Amino acid sequence: RYIMEVINISQKENSIPIILPLPYEVAPAKIEKLIKDKIIPRVKAEIENVIEEKTIYLGIDQLADSSINYKFLVGAKRDTQWQVERETKKICVEELNKAKISVPYPQLEVHKHEK
């Protein structure tokens, strides 16, 4: 076997998947509205190197044990994907805090039995 071609994929634009695990208690319509009307517009307006036409909401990605996972893509110019991802996640946290929506996390309940 011979290697005929080597392609450096970092030379292309990137689509960054962002997954937001959010509580079952919040209506999906409310979450989708927040993502479409608040988060994505801020990402497009405030983050340098975002490719607007590649930044789209995809929908519910997974029904997990303690959350519904919502997914959207953020397009980023080459060599900027890590910074764009960090800034996008910061915007997500800010918008979720404004909407008073918390991100679920695993919790352990311990019961102490006394004799």
Protein backbone atom coordinates (compact mmCIF):
# COMPACT_ATOMS: atom_id res chain seq x y z
CA ARG A 1 0.00 0.00 0.00
CA TYR A 2 1.18 3.47 -0.83
CA ILE A 3 0.14 6.82 0.58
CA MET A 4 -1.01 8.77 -2.43
CA GLU A 5 -2.31 11.92 -0.75
CA VAL A 6 -2.09 13.58 2.65
CA ILE A 7 -4.75 16.12 3.59
CA ASN A 8 -4.34 18.48 6.53
CA ILE A 9 -7.92 18.89 7.68
CA SER A 10 -6.94 21.76 9.99
CA GLN A 11 -6.61 23.86 6.85
CA LYS A 12 -10.37 23.83 6.36
CA GLU A 13 -13.20 25.55 8.14
CA ASN A 14 -14.57 23.70 11.15
CA SER A 15 -18.04 22.95 12.43
CA ILE A 16 -17.92 22.80 16.22
CA PRO A 17 -20.67 20.75 17.86
CA ILE A 18 -21.98 22.35 21.04
CA ILE A 19 -24.07 20.13 23.29
CA LEU A 20 -26.09 21.66 26.11
CA PRO A 21 -27.31 19.15 28.72
CA LEU A 22 -30.37 20.81 30.24
CA PRO A 23 -33.00 19.66 32.76
CA TYR A 24 -36.10 17.69 31.82
CA GLU A 25 -38.11 20.13 33.96
CA VAL A 26 -37.66 22.97 31.43
CA ALA A 27 -39.93 22.77 28.39
CA PRO A 28 -38.05 21.98 25.17
CA ALA A 29 -39.80 24.87 23.40
CA LYS A 30 -38.34 27.30 25.97
CA ILE A 31 -34.82 25.89 25.50
CA GLU A 32 -35.06 25.92 21.72
CA LYS A 33 -36.27 29.53 21.76
CA LEU A 34 -33.35 30.50 24.01
CA ILE A 35 -30.83 28.81 21.72
CA LYS A 36 -32.32 30.22 18.50
CA ASP A 37 -33.20 33.72 19.73
CA LYS A 38 -30.46 34.48 22.27
CA ILE A 39 -27.44 32.20 22.11
CA ILE A 40 -26.90 31.78 18.37
CA PRO A 41 -27.46 35.48 17.55
CA ARG A 42 -24.92 36.47 20.24
CA VAL A 43 -22.40 33.93 18.95
CA LYS A 44 -22.75 35.30 15.43
CA ALA A 45 -22.54 38.94 16.54
CA GLU A 46 -19.91 38.83 19.25
CA ILE A 47 -17.37 36.16 18.33
CA GLU A 48 -14.76 36.91 15.75
CA ASN A 49 -14.01 34.14 13.20
CA VAL A 50 -17.50 32.60 13.35
CA ILE A 51 -18.95 31.53 10.01
CA GLU A 52 -22.54 32.70 10.31
CA GLU A 53 -24.12 30.47 7.65
CA LYS A 54 -22.60 27.37 9.29
CA THR A 55 -23.89 28.25 12.76
CA ILE A 56 -27.20 26.43 13.13
CA TYR A 57 -29.44 24.79 15.71
CA LEU A 58 -29.83 21.04 15.07
CA GLY A 59 -32.31 20.00 17.78
CA ILE A 60 -32.51 17.50 20.61
CA ASP A 61 -29.50 15.22 20.41
CA GLN A 62 -30.10 12.81 23.28
CA LEU A 63 -32.49 11.94 26.08
CA ALA A 64 -29.89 11.23 28.75
CA ASP A 65 -30.28 9.94 32.31
CA SER A 66 -30.55 13.35 33.95
CA SER A 67 -30.81 15.78 31.03
CA ILE A 68 -32.08 16.46 27.55
CA ASN A 69 -29.07 17.24 25.36
CA TYR A 70 -29.59 20.00 22.78
CA LYS A 71 -27.13 20.37 19.92
CA PHE A 72 -26.08 23.19 17.64
CA LEU A 73 -23.12 23.77 15.35
CA VAL A 74 -20.85 26.79 15.25
CA GLY A 75 -18.84 27.33 12.09
CA ALA A 76 -15.30 28.57 12.69
CA LYS A 77 -12.55 29.76 10.39
CA ARG A 78 -9.48 27.57 10.28
CA ASP A 79 -7.17 27.55 13.28
CA THR A 80 -9.73 29.35 15.46
CA GLN A 81 -12.00 26.50 16.53
CA TRP A 82 -10.74 26.21 20.12
CA GLN A 83 -11.15 29.91 20.90
CA VAL A 84 -14.55 30.03 19.18
CA GLU A 85 -15.67 26.99 21.20
CA ARG A 86 -14.58 28.55 24.52
CA GLU A 87 -16.28 31.86 23.76
CA THR A 88 -19.45 30.07 22.62
CA LYS A 89 -19.62 28.09 25.86
CA LYS A 90 -19.19 31.30 27.87
CA ILE A 91 -22.15 32.86 26.03
CA CYS A 92 -24.18 29.69 26.72
CA VAL A 93 -23.48 29.92 30.45
CA GLU A 94 -24.35 33.64 30.54
CA GLU A 95 -27.64 33.14 28.69
CA LEU A 96 -28.62 30.12 30.79
CA ASN A 97 -27.91 32.11 33.96
CA LYS A 98 -30.04 35.02 32.70
CA ALA A 99 -32.89 32.58 32.01
CA LYS A 100 -32.37 30.96 35.44
CA ILE A 101 -31.80 27.53 33.88
CA SER A 102 -29.25 25.33 35.62
CA VAL A 103 -27.15 22.62 34.03
CA PRO A 104 -27.83 19.25 35.68
CA TYR A 105 -24.92 17.41 37.23
CA PRO A 106 -24.61 14.04 38.91
CA GLN A 107 -25.44 14.10 42.59
CA LEU A 108 -25.04 11.42 45.19
CA GLU A 109 -27.48 11.15 48.06
CA VAL A 110 -26.06 9.55 51.20
CA HIS A 111 -28.27 8.20 53.98
CA LYS A 112 -26.79 7.61 57.39
CA HIS A 113 -28.43 4.90 59.46
CA GLU A 114 -28.02 5.32 63.17
CA LYS A 115 -28.20 2.37 65.56
